[in-house]
Amino acid sequence: MRLWRALTGRAPIQLFADLPQQRKNRYVQALQALDGHLDGADYREIAIAVFGRANVPDRGWNGHDLRSKTIRLVDTAKQLMAGGYRDLLTYPKKFD
């Protein structure tokens, strides 16, 4: 719609809201996590790369919240890679 308006000489309008900064940051982290995952890194190595070595514990990794967050980031990125990125074009979603 914006392209059509621009091509016909009309003022472009913003149809959708911009993504919040927190969501943008999450997608950046998710893509970093996916890069590591596709490169064969384990979740601990991915967490160190995304969150920093100081935030990843030496002990108790299996029950740590960053492990769960890292797994969720990889899952989110896999969904984006499988076509979910198209949902970003229509943010925010309108539900009837």
N, C-alpha and C. Protein backbone atom coordinates (compact mmCIF):
# COMPACT_ATOMS: atom_id res chain seq x y z
N MET A 1 0.83 -1.19 0.00
CA MET A 1 0.00 0.00 0.00
C MET A 1 0.88 1.26 0.00
N ARG A 2 1.94 1.22 0.83
CA ARG A 2 2.83 2.38 0.89
C ARG A 2 3.53 2.59 -0.44
N LEU A 3 3.96 1.50 -1.07
CA LEU A 3 4.63 1.60 -2.36
C LEU A 3 3.67 2.17 -3.40
N TRP A 4 2.45 1.69 -3.43
CA TRP A 4 1.46 2.17 -4.39
C TRP A 4 1.21 3.66 -4.20
N ARG A 5 1.07 4.10 -2.94
CA ARG A 5 0.84 5.52 -2.67
C ARG A 5 2.03 6.36 -3.13
N ALA A 6 3.23 5.86 -2.90
CA ALA A 6 4.42 6.60 -3.31
C ALA A 6 4.51 6.68 -4.84
N LEU A 7 4.19 5.58 -5.52
CA LEU A 7 4.26 5.56 -6.98
C LEU A 7 3.20 6.44 -7.63
N THR A 8 2.07 6.61 -6.97
CA THR A 8 0.99 7.43 -7.52
C THR A 8 1.05 8.88 -7.05
N GLY A 9 2.15 9.23 -6.36
CA GLY A 9 2.34 10.61 -5.95
C GLY A 9 1.61 11.02 -4.69
N ARG A 10 1.06 10.08 -4.01
CA ARG A 10 0.36 10.39 -2.76
C ARG A 10 1.32 10.27 -1.59
N ALA A 11 0.97 10.92 -0.52
CA ALA A 11 1.82 10.87 0.67
C ALA A 11 1.76 9.47 1.27
N PRO A 12 2.93 8.90 1.56
CA PRO A 12 2.91 7.56 2.17
C PRO A 12 2.36 7.63 3.59
N ILE A 13 1.66 6.60 3.96
CA ILE A 13 1.12 6.53 5.32
C ILE A 13 1.76 5.34 6.01
N GLN A 14 1.81 5.42 7.32
CA GLN A 14 2.32 4.29 8.08
C GLN A 14 1.14 3.40 8.44
N LEU A 15 1.14 2.20 7.88
CA LEU A 15 0.03 1.29 8.10
C LEU A 15 0.15 0.54 9.41
N PHE A 16 1.36 0.29 9.82
CA PHE A 16 1.57 -0.54 10.99
C PHE A 16 2.53 0.15 11.94
N ALA A 17 2.44 -0.20 13.19
CA ALA A 17 3.32 0.37 14.19
C ALA A 17 4.71 -0.25 14.10
N ASP A 18 5.69 0.51 14.55
CA ASP A 18 7.05 -0.03 14.62
C ASP A 18 7.14 -1.05 15.75
N LEU A 19 8.05 -1.99 15.59
CA LEU A 19 8.28 -2.96 16.65
C LEU A 19 8.86 -2.25 17.87
N PRO A 20 8.44 -2.63 19.06
CA PRO A 20 9.04 -2.06 20.26
C PRO A 20 10.52 -2.45 20.34
N GLN A 21 11.32 -1.61 20.98
CA GLN A 21 12.75 -1.86 21.07
C GLN A 21 13.06 -3.18 21.75
N GLN A 22 12.28 -3.54 22.76
CA GLN A 22 12.51 -4.80 23.46
C GLN A 22 12.34 -5.99 22.51
N ARG A 23 11.35 -5.93 21.66
CA ARG A 23 11.14 -7.02 20.70
C ARG A 23 12.25 -7.05 19.65
N LYS A 24 12.70 -5.88 19.21
CA LYS A 24 13.82 -5.83 18.26
C LYS A 24 15.05 -6.49 18.87
N ASN A 25 15.33 -6.15 20.13
CA ASN A 25 16.49 -6.74 20.81
C ASN A 25 16.36 -8.25 20.91
N ARG A 26 15.14 -8.73 21.19
CA ARG A 26 14.92 -10.17 21.29
C ARG A 26 15.17 -10.86 19.95
N TYR A 27 14.73 -10.25 18.87
CA TYR A 27 14.95 -10.85 17.55
C TYR A 27 16.44 -10.86 17.19
N VAL A 28 17.16 -9.82 17.57
CA VAL A 28 18.60 -9.80 17.33
C VAL A 28 19.27 -10.94 18.10
N GLN A 29 18.90 -11.09 19.37
CA GLN A 29 19.45 -12.19 20.17
C GLN A 29 19.06 -13.54 19.59
N ALA A 30 17.82 -13.66 19.11
CA ALA A 30 17.37 -14.92 18.54
C ALA A 30 18.18 -15.28 17.30
N LEU A 31 18.46 -14.30 16.46
CA LEU A 31 19.24 -14.58 15.26
C LEU A 31 20.69 -14.92 15.60
N GLN A 32 21.23 -14.28 16.63
CA GLN A 32 22.58 -14.66 17.08
C GLN A 32 22.58 -16.09 17.59
N ALA A 33 21.55 -16.44 18.35
CA ALA A 33 21.44 -17.80 18.87
C ALA A 33 21.30 -18.81 17.73
N LEU A 34 20.52 -18.47 16.74
CA LEU A 34 20.35 -19.37 15.59
C LEU A 34 21.66 -19.56 14.84
N ASP A 35 22.42 -18.50 14.67
CA ASP A 35 23.72 -18.63 14.00
C ASP A 35 24.59 -19.65 14.73
N GLY A 36 24.63 -19.54 16.05
CA GLY A 36 25.42 -20.49 16.84
C GLY A 36 24.88 -21.90 16.73
N HIS A 37 23.56 -22.02 16.80
CA HIS A 37 22.92 -23.34 16.72
C HIS A 37 23.21 -24.01 15.38
N LEU A 38 23.09 -23.26 14.30
CA LEU A 38 23.34 -23.83 12.97
C LEU A 38 24.82 -24.14 12.76
N ASP A 39 25.66 -23.47 13.55
CA ASP A 39 27.10 -23.72 13.47
C ASP A 39 27.53 -24.89 14.34
N GLY A 40 26.58 -25.47 15.09
CA GLY A 40 26.87 -26.65 15.89
C GLY A 40 27.21 -26.37 17.34
N ALA A 41 27.05 -25.13 17.79
CA ALA A 41 27.35 -24.80 19.18
C ALA A 41 26.27 -25.36 20.11
N ASP A 42 26.67 -25.71 21.34
CA ASP A 42 25.66 -26.15 22.30
C ASP A 42 25.05 -24.92 22.97
N TYR A 43 24.00 -25.14 23.75
CA TYR A 43 23.26 -24.02 24.34
C TYR A 43 24.13 -23.19 25.28
N ARG A 44 25.04 -23.81 25.97
CA ARG A 44 25.93 -23.07 26.87
C ARG A 44 26.83 -22.12 26.09
N GLU A 45 27.39 -22.59 25.00
CA GLU A 45 28.24 -21.73 24.16
C GLU A 45 27.43 -20.59 23.55
N ILE A 46 26.21 -20.88 23.17
CA ILE A 46 25.35 -19.84 22.61
C ILE A 46 25.05 -18.79 23.68
N ALA A 47 24.73 -19.25 24.88
CA ALA A 47 24.42 -18.31 25.98
C ALA A 47 25.62 -17.42 26.29
N ILE A 48 26.81 -17.98 26.27
CA ILE A 48 28.01 -17.18 26.53
C ILE A 48 28.18 -16.11 25.45
N ALA A 49 27.92 -16.48 24.20
CA ALA A 49 28.05 -15.53 23.10
C ALA A 49 26.99 -14.44 23.16
N VAL A 50 25.77 -14.79 23.53
CA VAL A 50 24.67 -13.82 23.53
C VAL A 50 24.64 -12.98 24.80
N PHE A 51 24.82 -13.61 25.95
CA PHE A 51 24.64 -12.92 27.24
C PHE A 51 25.95 -12.57 27.94
N GLY A 52 27.06 -13.11 27.48
CA GLY A 52 28.35 -12.83 28.10
C GLY A 52 28.74 -13.91 29.08
N ARG A 53 30.04 -14.17 29.15
CA ARG A 53 30.55 -15.24 30.01
C ARG A 53 30.22 -14.98 31.48
N ALA A 54 30.25 -13.74 31.91
CA ALA A 54 30.03 -13.41 33.32
C ALA A 54 28.61 -13.78 33.78
N ASN A 55 27.66 -13.83 32.87
CA ASN A 55 26.27 -14.12 33.23
C ASN A 55 25.92 -15.60 33.19
N VAL A 56 26.79 -16.41 32.62
CA VAL A 56 26.54 -17.85 32.52
C VAL A 56 27.30 -18.54 33.64
N PRO A 57 26.59 -19.26 34.51
CA PRO A 57 27.26 -19.88 35.67
C PRO A 57 28.10 -21.09 35.27
N ASP A 58 29.14 -21.32 36.08
CA ASP A 58 29.98 -22.51 35.86
C ASP A 58 29.27 -23.77 36.34
N ARG A 59 28.45 -23.61 37.37
CA ARG A 59 27.70 -24.74 37.93
C ARG A 59 26.21 -24.49 37.81
N GLY A 60 25.46 -25.55 37.84
CA GLY A 60 24.01 -25.42 37.83
C GLY A 60 23.43 -24.94 36.52
N TRP A 61 24.10 -25.22 35.43
CA TRP A 61 23.63 -24.75 34.13
C TRP A 61 22.29 -25.36 33.74
N ASN A 62 22.10 -26.64 34.05
CA ASN A 62 20.87 -27.33 33.63
C ASN A 62 19.61 -26.72 34.21
N GLY A 63 19.69 -26.10 35.37
CA GLY A 63 18.51 -25.50 35.97
C GLY A 63 18.48 -23.98 35.90
N HIS A 64 19.44 -23.40 35.20
CA HIS A 64 19.56 -21.94 35.16
C HIS A 64 18.56 -21.33 34.18
N ASP A 65 18.07 -20.14 34.53
CA ASP A 65 17.07 -19.49 33.67
C ASP A 65 17.64 -19.07 32.31
N LEU A 66 18.94 -18.79 32.23
CA LEU A 66 19.52 -18.43 30.93
C LEU A 66 19.53 -19.61 29.97
N ARG A 67 19.60 -20.82 30.49
CA ARG A 67 19.52 -22.00 29.62
C ARG A 67 18.16 -22.06 28.95
N SER A 68 17.11 -21.86 29.77
CA SER A 68 15.75 -21.88 29.21
C SER A 68 15.56 -20.73 28.22
N LYS A 69 16.08 -19.57 28.55
CA LYS A 69 15.94 -18.42 27.66
C LYS A 69 16.69 -18.67 26.35
N THR A 70 17.85 -19.28 26.42
CA THR A 70 18.63 -19.58 25.21
C THR A 70 17.87 -20.56 24.32
N ILE A 71 17.29 -21.57 24.92
CA ILE A 71 16.50 -22.55 24.15
C ILE A 71 15.32 -21.86 23.49
N ARG A 72 14.64 -20.98 24.22
CA ARG A 72 13.50 -20.24 23.65
C ARG A 72 13.95 -19.33 22.50
N LEU A 73 15.12 -18.72 22.64
CA LEU A 73 15.63 -17.86 21.56
C LEU A 73 15.89 -18.67 20.30
N VAL A 74 16.48 -19.84 20.45
CA VAL A 74 16.73 -20.70 19.29
C VAL A 74 15.41 -21.13 18.67
N ASP A 75 14.44 -21.50 19.49
CA ASP A 75 13.13 -21.91 18.97
C ASP A 75 12.45 -20.75 18.23
N THR A 76 12.52 -19.55 18.79
CA THR A 76 11.94 -18.37 18.15
C THR A 76 12.58 -18.14 16.78
N ALA A 77 13.90 -18.23 16.73
CA ALA A 77 14.61 -18.01 15.46
C ALA A 77 14.26 -19.09 14.44
N LYS A 78 14.10 -20.32 14.89
CA LYS A 78 13.70 -21.39 13.96
C LYS A 78 12.32 -21.11 13.37
N GLN A 79 11.41 -20.59 14.20
CA GLN A 79 10.08 -20.23 13.70
C GLN A 79 10.17 -19.09 12.68
N LEU A 80 11.02 -18.10 12.96
CA LEU A 80 11.22 -17.02 12.00
C LEU A 80 11.78 -17.56 10.70
N MET A 81 12.75 -18.46 10.80
CA MET A 81 13.38 -19.03 9.62
C MET A 81 12.38 -19.85 8.81
N ALA A 82 11.40 -20.44 9.47
CA ALA A 82 10.41 -21.28 8.79
C ALA A 82 9.27 -20.46 8.19
N GLY A 83 9.41 -19.15 8.15
CA GLY A 83 8.38 -18.32 7.52
C GLY A 83 7.70 -17.36 8.46
N GLY A 84 7.98 -17.44 9.73
CA GLY A 84 7.35 -16.55 10.70
C GLY A 84 7.78 -15.11 10.57
N TYR A 85 8.87 -14.88 9.83
CA TYR A 85 9.33 -13.50 9.63
C TYR A 85 8.28 -12.66 8.91
N ARG A 86 7.40 -13.30 8.18
CA ARG A 86 6.36 -12.55 7.46
C ARG A 86 5.41 -11.83 8.42
N ASP A 87 5.27 -12.38 9.63
CA ASP A 87 4.42 -11.73 10.62
C ASP A 87 4.96 -10.36 11.02
N LEU A 88 6.25 -10.16 10.84
CA LEU A 88 6.84 -8.86 11.18
C LEU A 88 6.33 -7.76 10.26
N LEU A 89 5.87 -8.13 9.07
CA LEU A 89 5.37 -7.14 8.13
C LEU A 89 4.05 -6.55 8.55
N THR A 90 3.32 -7.23 9.38
CA THR A 90 1.99 -6.77 9.78
C THR A 90 1.89 -6.57 11.28
N TYR A 91 2.94 -6.04 11.90
CA TYR A 91 2.90 -5.80 13.33
C TYR A 91 2.14 -4.51 13.59
N PRO A 92 1.31 -4.39 14.57
CA PRO A 92 0.84 -5.46 15.44
C PRO A 92 -0.25 -6.26 14.76
N LYS A 93 -0.37 -7.49 15.16
CA LYS A 93 -1.41 -8.35 14.58
C LYS A 93 -2.78 -7.86 15.02
N LYS A 94 -3.68 -7.88 14.09
CA LYS A 94 -5.06 -7.50 14.38
C LYS A 94 -5.90 -8.78 14.43
N PHE A 95 -6.51 -9.02 15.56
CA PHE A 95 -7.35 -10.21 15.71
C PHE A 95 -8.81 -9.78 15.73
N ASP A 96 -9.64 -10.50 15.01
CA ASP A 96 -11.07 -10.17 14.96
C ASP A 96 -11.81 -10.70 16.15
